[in-house]
Amino acid sequence: MSVPYQRLPRIDGRWRWWRPLVALAVLAGWYLVSQVLIVIAFTIPIGATSGADGLIDFEQKLSSGALDPTDPLTLSVSLVSLVVLLPGIVVAVRIAGLGRGVLSSVRFRVRWGWTAWCLIPTLVIAAIMFAVQGLPMLTLDGGFGWDHDAIGQSTVTLSTLVLTIALVVVLVPFQGAAEEYIFRGFLMQTIASWIPRRAGTVIAVAVSTVVFASLHIPNGYNVWGILDVGSFGLVAAIIVLRTGGLEATVLQHAFNNIMIFVLQAPGWSRIDLQSQDANGTWQGWLVTLGTSLAYWGMVELLARWRRLDRRFAGREAPRFRGPVPAWAGGSRWVRPGGTGWDGAPAHADGVAGSADAANPPGDAAAGPVDATAGVAGRS
């Protein structure tokens, strides 16, 4: 037996259906408080330097919901407001008692070795995206440079461009990680833990994809833009299930957003960020779908070659009715393989991983594991 990523919370004997709701409430409170603090931190200096007119202009830009890569101030506020969700979801899960590291991977931590290998397909896709989106902006006439006849002149100064790119490179990876931990991590694990078997997995993928795409509607995306985001989220969800962790999709999300923001940062005069084409086209949707599928294929091959751990080599904890048995360790019972399982009776019926008291269920050697799980992983 083994446990897939989306069911990891169920290996903790303390899991109850209401714990994810507690985590959600904590995250909501964290988000509201952090947004108030962020607005205060930005509005005080703006009001002091630009007065009421500056504050009104700042409020109008924020209310538009758009991530304008030509305005470093508005962009930084928008990104920081999302970045704070990363520590927020980690704290919320810990407070709710859902387990430490349960969102990262089946190893209950970030698999840094696997993350490094995932840089290869990530950079390949980034190069393809630049070729598709960036090369049409370049010309060789009169030397290598931007094709101003096609895209117009930049509308921002060099200092603004440098500052914007610096903000993007520093903040966007954390913004992408926050969205992955919430949608492909917490949301999928919550639904799959509530609903058993394959139906729970399918519903978890569907709900996370729809919610992820829907929350981008305020950004002004049209139908093609929403399909673009939805396709990205759907393939990312599958990659998480296939790799047993968020590492690959965090890299994919970060590099995808960095590429988009950097290419738009100069604010080319003939690229209207408020136009329908800027908010989604069928060509852009096909590019996203194609690159996402290509990324999944490369990650899949890499995971097979590296014999990646895709599942937790143990079993789900049993659901006791009434008091926890003395052999389960009472309040010390954490998860199979924890201290509370040391005295578990051998071969107890219906008890997770009770093969041998000397060989705890959390040990990879506790019993046979699905051959597709690749428990002898190197990352």
Protein backbone atom coordinates (compact mmCIF):
# COMPACT_ATOMS: atom_id res chain seq x y z
CA MET A 1 0.00 0.00 0.00
CA SER A 2 1.02 3.61 -0.52
CA VAL A 3 -0.65 7.02 -0.32
CA PRO A 4 -0.80 9.52 -3.22
CA TYR A 5 -0.05 13.20 -2.78
CA GLN A 6 -3.68 14.34 -2.76
CA ARG A 7 -4.51 12.04 0.19
CA LEU A 8 -1.49 12.89 2.36
CA PRO A 9 -3.52 14.61 5.11
CA ARG A 10 -5.26 11.28 5.79
CA ILE A 11 -2.09 9.60 7.04
CA ASP A 12 -2.26 11.83 10.11
CA GLY A 13 -4.38 10.25 12.84
CA ARG A 14 -5.54 13.71 13.92
CA TRP A 15 -7.20 14.43 10.57
CA ARG A 16 -10.85 15.41 10.77
CA TRP A 17 -13.12 16.80 8.08
CA TRP A 18 -13.31 20.20 9.77
CA ARG A 19 -9.58 20.85 10.02
CA PRO A 20 -9.26 22.15 6.42
CA LEU A 21 -12.07 24.59 7.17
CA VAL A 22 -10.09 25.87 10.15
CA ALA A 23 -7.07 26.32 7.89
CA LEU A 24 -9.23 28.20 5.37
CA ALA A 25 -10.53 30.52 8.08
CA VAL A 26 -7.00 31.20 9.33
CA LEU A 27 -5.84 31.92 5.77
CA ALA A 28 -8.76 34.30 5.19
CA GLY A 29 -7.95 36.18 8.38
CA TRP A 30 -4.26 36.29 7.48
CA TYR A 31 -5.12 37.66 4.03
CA LEU A 32 -7.45 40.39 5.27
CA VAL A 33 -5.01 41.63 7.92
CA SER A 34 -2.05 41.51 5.54
CA GLN A 35 -3.92 43.47 2.85
CA VAL A 36 -4.77 46.23 5.32
CA LEU A 37 -1.14 46.43 6.44
CA ILE A 38 0.12 46.47 2.84
CA VAL A 39 -2.24 49.28 1.84
CA ILE A 40 -1.22 51.32 4.89
CA ALA A 41 2.47 50.73 4.17
CA PHE A 42 2.07 52.05 0.62
CA THR A 43 -0.50 54.83 1.08
CA ILE A 44 1.33 56.69 3.85
CA PRO A 45 4.43 57.51 1.74
CA ILE A 46 2.28 58.16 -1.35
CA GLY A 47 0.07 60.58 0.55
CA ALA A 48 3.11 62.31 2.03
CA THR A 49 4.78 62.82 -1.36
CA SER A 50 1.86 63.14 -3.83
CA GLY A 51 -1.04 64.30 -1.68
CA ALA A 52 -4.72 63.49 -2.24
CA ASP A 53 -4.40 63.34 -6.03
CA GLY A 54 -1.70 60.70 -5.76
CA LEU A 55 -3.80 58.61 -3.39
CA ILE A 56 -6.84 58.81 -5.68
CA ASP A 57 -4.78 57.76 -8.70
CA PHE A 58 -3.22 54.90 -6.69
CA GLU A 59 -6.67 53.68 -5.55
CA GLN A 60 -8.03 53.75 -9.11
CA LYS A 61 -5.12 51.67 -10.41
CA LEU A 62 -5.56 49.09 -7.66
CA SER A 63 -9.33 48.86 -8.16
CA SER A 64 -8.82 48.04 -11.85
CA GLY A 65 -7.45 44.63 -10.79
CA ALA A 66 -4.88 44.60 -13.61
CA LEU A 67 -1.22 43.69 -13.06
CA ASP A 68 0.34 46.53 -15.04
CA PRO A 69 4.01 45.66 -15.69
CA THR A 70 4.72 49.25 -16.79
CA ASP A 71 3.94 50.67 -13.33
CA PRO A 72 6.41 49.41 -10.69
CA LEU A 73 4.41 50.79 -7.75
CA THR A 74 1.10 49.19 -8.67
CA LEU A 75 2.84 45.99 -9.76
CA SER A 76 4.71 45.70 -6.47
CA VAL A 77 1.52 46.13 -4.43
CA SER A 78 -0.32 43.54 -6.52
CA LEU A 79 2.52 41.00 -6.27
CA VAL A 80 3.17 41.52 -2.56
CA SER A 81 -0.55 41.06 -1.85
CA LEU A 82 -0.23 37.58 -3.37
CA VAL A 83 3.22 36.74 -2.00
CA VAL A 84 1.95 37.02 1.60
CA LEU A 85 -0.37 34.09 0.90
CA LEU A 86 2.63 31.72 0.81
CA PRO A 87 3.55 32.01 4.51
CA GLY A 88 -0.16 32.37 5.21
CA ILE A 89 -1.14 28.95 3.88
CA VAL A 90 1.85 27.29 5.59
CA VAL A 91 0.90 28.82 8.94
CA ALA A 92 -2.79 28.02 8.42
CA VAL A 93 -2.10 24.33 7.76
CA ARG A 94 0.11 24.08 10.83
CA ILE A 95 -2.45 25.79 13.09
CA ALA A 96 -5.22 23.53 11.79
CA GLY A 97 -3.14 20.45 12.59
CA LEU A 98 -2.99 19.12 9.03
CA GLY A 99 0.67 18.18 9.24
CA ARG A 100 4.06 19.77 8.66
CA GLY A 101 5.28 19.84 5.06
CA VAL A 102 2.17 18.03 3.86
CA LEU A 103 1.66 20.52 1.02
CA SER A 104 5.18 20.33 -0.42
CA SER A 105 5.53 16.70 -1.45
CA VAL A 106 5.19 13.06 -0.44
CA ARG A 107 8.51 13.52 1.40
CA PHE A 108 6.88 16.24 3.57
CA ARG A 109 9.46 18.75 2.39
CA VAL A 110 10.68 20.40 -0.78
CA ARG A 111 12.71 17.86 -2.76
CA TRP A 112 15.53 20.20 -3.74
CA GLY A 113 17.35 17.61 -5.82
CA TRP A 114 14.22 17.00 -7.90
CA THR A 115 13.66 20.76 -8.12
CA ALA A 116 17.10 21.22 -9.65
CA TRP A 117 16.37 18.59 -12.31
CA CYS A 118 13.07 20.31 -13.13
CA LEU A 119 15.01 23.41 -14.14
CA ILE A 120 15.90 21.63 -17.39
CA PRO A 121 12.37 21.36 -18.84
CA THR A 122 11.49 24.73 -17.29
CA LEU A 123 14.27 26.51 -19.18
CA VAL A 124 13.38 24.67 -22.39
CA ILE A 125 9.79 25.90 -22.19
CA ALA A 126 10.97 29.41 -21.26
CA ALA A 127 13.13 29.46 -24.39
CA ILE A 128 10.18 28.33 -26.51
CA MET A 129 7.94 31.01 -25.00
CA PHE A 130 10.53 33.69 -25.71
CA ALA A 131 10.86 32.46 -29.29
CA VAL A 132 7.10 32.57 -29.82
CA GLN A 133 6.39 35.84 -28.01
CA GLY A 134 9.68 37.73 -28.11
CA LEU A 135 11.26 37.04 -31.49
CA PRO A 136 8.47 38.78 -33.46
CA MET A 137 9.50 41.95 -31.58
CA LEU A 138 13.09 41.76 -32.86
CA THR A 139 14.63 42.75 -36.18
CA LEU A 140 17.98 42.39 -37.95
CA ASP A 141 17.50 45.43 -40.18
CA GLY A 142 20.23 47.89 -39.34
CA GLY A 143 21.58 45.55 -36.69
CA PHE A 144 20.03 43.36 -34.02
CA GLY A 145 17.39 45.20 -31.98
CA TRP A 146 13.72 45.83 -31.31
CA ASP A 147 11.42 46.21 -34.30
CA HIS A 148 10.02 49.62 -33.42
CA ASP A 149 8.13 49.85 -36.72
CA ALA A 150 6.04 46.87 -35.63
CA ILE A 151 5.74 47.40 -31.89
CA GLY A 152 6.39 51.10 -31.43
CA GLN A 153 8.66 52.85 -28.94
CA SER A 154 8.95 51.93 -25.29
CA THR A 155 6.74 54.05 -23.06
CA VAL A 156 8.87 53.70 -19.91
CA THR A 157 12.27 55.03 -18.95
CA LEU A 158 15.30 52.80 -18.56
CA SER A 159 15.29 53.22 -14.77
CA THR A 160 11.61 52.23 -14.61
CA LEU A 161 12.27 49.19 -16.81
CA VAL A 162 15.18 48.05 -14.63
CA LEU A 163 13.14 48.51 -11.44
CA THR A 164 10.17 46.62 -12.90
CA ILE A 165 12.29 43.68 -14.03
CA ALA A 166 14.01 43.55 -10.62
CA LEU A 167 10.62 43.43 -8.88
CA VAL A 168 9.43 40.69 -11.23
CA VAL A 169 12.50 38.51 -10.74
CA VAL A 170 12.38 38.87 -6.93
CA LEU A 171 8.64 38.65 -6.25
CA VAL A 172 7.08 36.55 -9.03
CA PRO A 173 8.64 33.21 -7.94
CA PHE A 174 7.01 33.61 -4.51
CA GLN A 175 3.74 34.72 -6.09
CA GLY A 176 3.72 31.60 -8.28
CA ALA A 177 4.61 29.39 -5.31
CA ALA A 178 1.77 30.90 -3.24
CA GLU A 179 -0.80 30.09 -5.92
CA GLU A 180 0.54 26.54 -6.35
CA TYR A 181 0.49 25.84 -2.61
CA ILE A 182 -3.09 27.07 -2.35
CA PHE A 183 -4.72 25.68 -5.51
CA ARG A 184 -2.69 22.59 -6.43
CA GLY A 185 -1.73 21.90 -2.83
CA PHE A 186 -4.23 22.82 -0.13
CA LEU A 187 -7.40 22.85 -2.26
CA MET A 188 -6.72 19.54 -4.04
CA GLN A 189 -5.65 17.78 -0.85
CA THR A 190 -8.71 19.04 1.01
CA ILE A 191 -11.22 17.81 -1.56
CA ALA A 192 -9.45 14.50 -2.20
CA SER A 193 -9.30 13.89 1.56
CA TRP A 194 -13.03 14.49 1.90
CA ILE A 195 -13.99 12.33 -1.09
CA PRO A 196 -12.32 8.90 -1.35
CA ARG A 197 -10.97 6.96 -4.31
CA ARG A 198 -10.63 8.13 -7.90
CA ALA A 199 -13.80 10.24 -7.80
CA GLY A 200 -12.23 12.47 -5.15
CA THR A 201 -9.12 12.98 -7.26
CA VAL A 202 -11.12 13.89 -10.38
CA ILE A 203 -13.31 16.32 -8.44
CA ALA A 204 -10.26 17.82 -6.72
CA VAL A 205 -8.56 18.50 -10.06
CA ALA A 206 -11.75 19.92 -11.59
CA VAL A 207 -12.56 22.21 -8.66
CA SER A 208 -9.02 23.52 -8.28
CA THR A 209 -8.86 24.26 -12.01
CA VAL A 210 -12.22 26.06 -12.12
CA VAL A 211 -11.53 28.11 -8.99
CA PHE A 212 -8.03 29.02 -10.22
CA ALA A 213 -9.39 30.20 -13.59
CA SER A 214 -12.38 32.00 -12.08
CA LEU A 215 -10.26 34.08 -9.73
CA HIS A 216 -8.47 35.53 -12.78
CA ILE A 217 -11.69 36.98 -14.19
CA PRO A 218 -11.29 40.27 -12.23
CA ASN A 219 -7.99 40.77 -14.08
CA GLY A 220 -10.03 41.50 -17.20
CA TYR A 221 -9.44 38.25 -19.09
CA ASN A 222 -11.87 37.36 -21.85
CA VAL A 223 -13.06 33.84 -22.68
CA TRP A 224 -9.78 32.89 -24.37
CA GLY A 225 -7.82 34.29 -21.46
CA ILE A 226 -9.81 32.22 -18.95
CA LEU A 227 -9.34 29.11 -21.11
CA ASP A 228 -5.64 29.92 -21.22
CA VAL A 229 -5.40 30.11 -17.42
CA GLY A 230 -7.67 27.07 -16.98
CA SER A 231 -5.56 24.92 -19.32
CA PHE A 232 -2.42 25.93 -17.45
CA GLY A 233 -4.04 25.04 -14.12
CA LEU A 234 -5.41 21.71 -15.35
CA VAL A 235 -2.07 20.46 -16.66
CA ALA A 236 -0.31 21.76 -13.53
CA ALA A 237 -2.73 19.75 -11.35
CA ILE A 238 -1.96 16.59 -13.32
CA ILE A 239 1.78 17.22 -12.99
CA VAL A 240 1.42 17.53 -9.21
CA LEU A 241 -0.42 14.22 -9.01
CA ARG A 242 2.08 12.51 -11.30
CA THR A 243 5.16 13.79 -9.41
CA GLY A 244 3.82 13.71 -5.85
CA GLY A 245 4.75 17.32 -5.13
CA LEU A 246 4.62 20.97 -6.13
CA GLU A 247 8.23 21.52 -7.15
CA ALA A 248 7.79 21.20 -10.91
CA THR A 249 4.68 23.37 -11.10
CA VAL A 250 6.15 26.09 -8.87
CA LEU A 251 9.04 26.44 -11.32
CA GLN A 252 6.70 26.32 -14.30
CA HIS A 253 4.40 28.96 -12.83
CA ALA A 254 7.25 31.26 -11.81
CA PHE A 255 9.07 31.18 -15.16
CA ASN A 256 5.82 31.52 -17.11
CA ASN A 257 4.84 34.68 -15.22
CA ILE A 258 8.36 36.12 -15.31
CA MET A 259 8.46 35.73 -19.08
CA ILE A 260 5.07 37.42 -19.52
CA PHE A 261 5.87 40.38 -17.25
CA VAL A 262 9.36 40.95 -18.64
CA LEU A 263 8.15 41.00 -22.24
CA GLN A 264 5.40 43.49 -21.37
CA ALA A 265 7.49 45.63 -19.00
CA PRO A 266 8.70 48.16 -21.64
CA GLY A 267 5.07 49.10 -22.38
CA TRP A 268 5.40 49.07 -26.16
CA SER A 269 3.15 51.82 -27.54
CA ARG A 270 1.38 49.48 -29.96
CA ILE A 271 0.66 46.82 -27.35
CA ASP A 272 -2.44 47.97 -25.50
CA LEU A 273 -2.58 46.12 -22.17
CA GLN A 274 -6.28 46.98 -21.89
CA SER A 275 -7.24 45.60 -25.32
CA GLN A 276 -9.14 42.35 -25.84
CA ASP A 277 -6.12 40.78 -27.52
CA ALA A 278 -3.99 41.53 -24.45
CA ASN A 279 -6.58 39.77 -22.28
CA GLY A 280 -6.57 36.55 -24.27
CA THR A 281 -6.55 35.16 -27.82
CA TRP A 282 -7.12 31.70 -29.24
CA GLN A 283 -3.51 31.68 -30.46
CA GLY A 284 -2.27 32.44 -26.95
CA TRP A 285 -4.45 29.67 -25.55
CA LEU A 286 -2.98 27.16 -28.01
CA VAL A 287 0.55 28.25 -27.11
CA THR A 288 -0.16 27.82 -23.38
CA LEU A 289 -1.82 24.45 -23.91
CA GLY A 290 1.00 23.22 -26.13
CA THR A 291 3.83 24.37 -23.86
CA SER A 292 2.06 23.01 -20.76
CA LEU A 293 1.64 19.58 -22.35
CA ALA A 294 5.24 19.63 -23.55
CA TYR A 295 6.42 20.52 -20.04
CA TRP A 296 4.36 17.69 -18.56
CA GLY A 297 5.87 15.25 -21.04
CA MET A 298 9.42 16.27 -20.22
CA VAL A 299 8.78 16.18 -16.47
CA GLU A 300 7.18 12.73 -16.80
CA LEU A 301 10.19 11.35 -18.63
CA LEU A 302 12.55 12.94 -16.13
CA ALA A 303 10.59 11.51 -13.17
CA ARG A 304 10.75 8.01 -14.65
CA TRP A 305 14.47 8.31 -15.33
CA ARG A 306 15.18 9.62 -11.81
CA ARG A 307 12.85 6.97 -10.27
CA LEU A 308 11.12 9.76 -8.38
CA ASP A 309 9.17 9.08 -5.19
CA ARG A 310 5.62 9.75 -6.36
CA ARG A 311 3.73 8.36 -3.33
CA PHE A 312 4.16 8.08 0.43
CA ALA A 313 5.34 4.59 1.32
CA GLY A 314 2.79 3.95 4.06
CA ARG A 315 -0.94 3.78 4.67
CA GLU A 316 -3.73 6.09 5.70
CA ALA A 317 -4.42 6.27 9.42
CA PRO A 318 -7.55 4.47 10.65
CA ARG A 319 -10.58 6.43 11.76
CA PHE A 320 -11.30 5.45 15.36
CA ARG A 321 -14.79 5.78 16.82
CA GLY A 322 -14.53 6.73 20.46
CA PRO A 323 -11.30 6.88 22.51
CA VAL A 324 -7.99 6.26 20.77
CA PRO A 325 -6.64 2.84 21.87
CA ALA A 326 -3.80 2.84 24.37
CA TRP A 327 -1.43 1.20 21.88
CA ALA A 328 -1.95 4.13 19.48
CA GLY A 329 -0.23 6.42 21.96
CA GLY A 330 -3.19 8.67 22.75
CA SER A 331 -2.30 12.30 22.12
CA ARG A 332 1.20 11.26 20.98
CA TRP A 333 -0.25 9.57 17.92
CA VAL A 334 0.91 11.63 14.94
CA ARG A 335 0.98 9.45 11.86
CA PRO A 336 1.96 5.90 10.86
CA GLY A 337 5.56 5.49 11.87
CA GLY A 338 5.31 8.07 14.63
CA THR A 339 6.07 7.41 18.31
CA GLY A 340 2.49 6.44 19.06
CA TRP A 341 2.67 3.42 16.78
CA ASP A 342 5.59 1.69 18.49
CA GLY A 343 3.31 -0.51 20.55
CA ALA A 344 0.80 -1.32 17.83
CA PRO A 345 -0.30 -5.00 17.85
CA ALA A 346 1.04 -6.95 14.88
CA HIS A 347 -1.46 -7.56 12.04
CA ALA A 348 -4.31 -5.68 13.72
CA ASP A 349 -7.34 -5.73 11.45
CA GLY A 350 -8.13 -2.44 9.77
CA VAL A 351 -5.10 -0.69 11.23
CA ALA A 352 -2.87 1.25 8.88
CA GLY A 353 0.47 -0.44 8.29
CA SER A 354 0.28 -2.81 11.27
CA ALA A 355 2.54 -5.41 9.74
CA ASP A 356 5.07 -5.63 12.54
CA ALA A 357 5.68 -3.58 15.66
CA ALA A 358 9.41 -3.72 14.94
CA ASN A 359 8.86 -2.41 11.42
CA PRO A 360 6.69 0.74 11.72
CA PRO A 361 4.25 1.52 8.90
CA GLY A 362 6.00 4.80 8.12
CA ASP A 363 9.13 2.86 7.14
CA ALA A 364 9.51 2.28 3.41
CA ALA A 365 10.39 -1.32 4.24
CA ALA A 366 7.09 -1.94 6.01
CA GLY A 367 5.57 -3.75 3.09
CA PRO A 368 5.19 -3.92 -0.66
CA VAL A 369 4.57 -0.67 -2.45
CA ASP A 370 2.91 -0.10 -5.79
CA ALA A 371 5.53 -0.61 -8.46
CA THR A 372 4.51 2.64 -10.12
CA ALA A 373 5.24 4.59 -6.96
CA GLY A 374 9.02 4.56 -7.53
CA VAL A 375 9.81 4.58 -3.83
CA ALA A 376 13.49 4.03 -4.46
CA GLY A 377 13.71 7.59 -5.71
CA ARG A 378 16.90 9.59 -5.84
CA SER A 379 15.47 13.03 -5.10
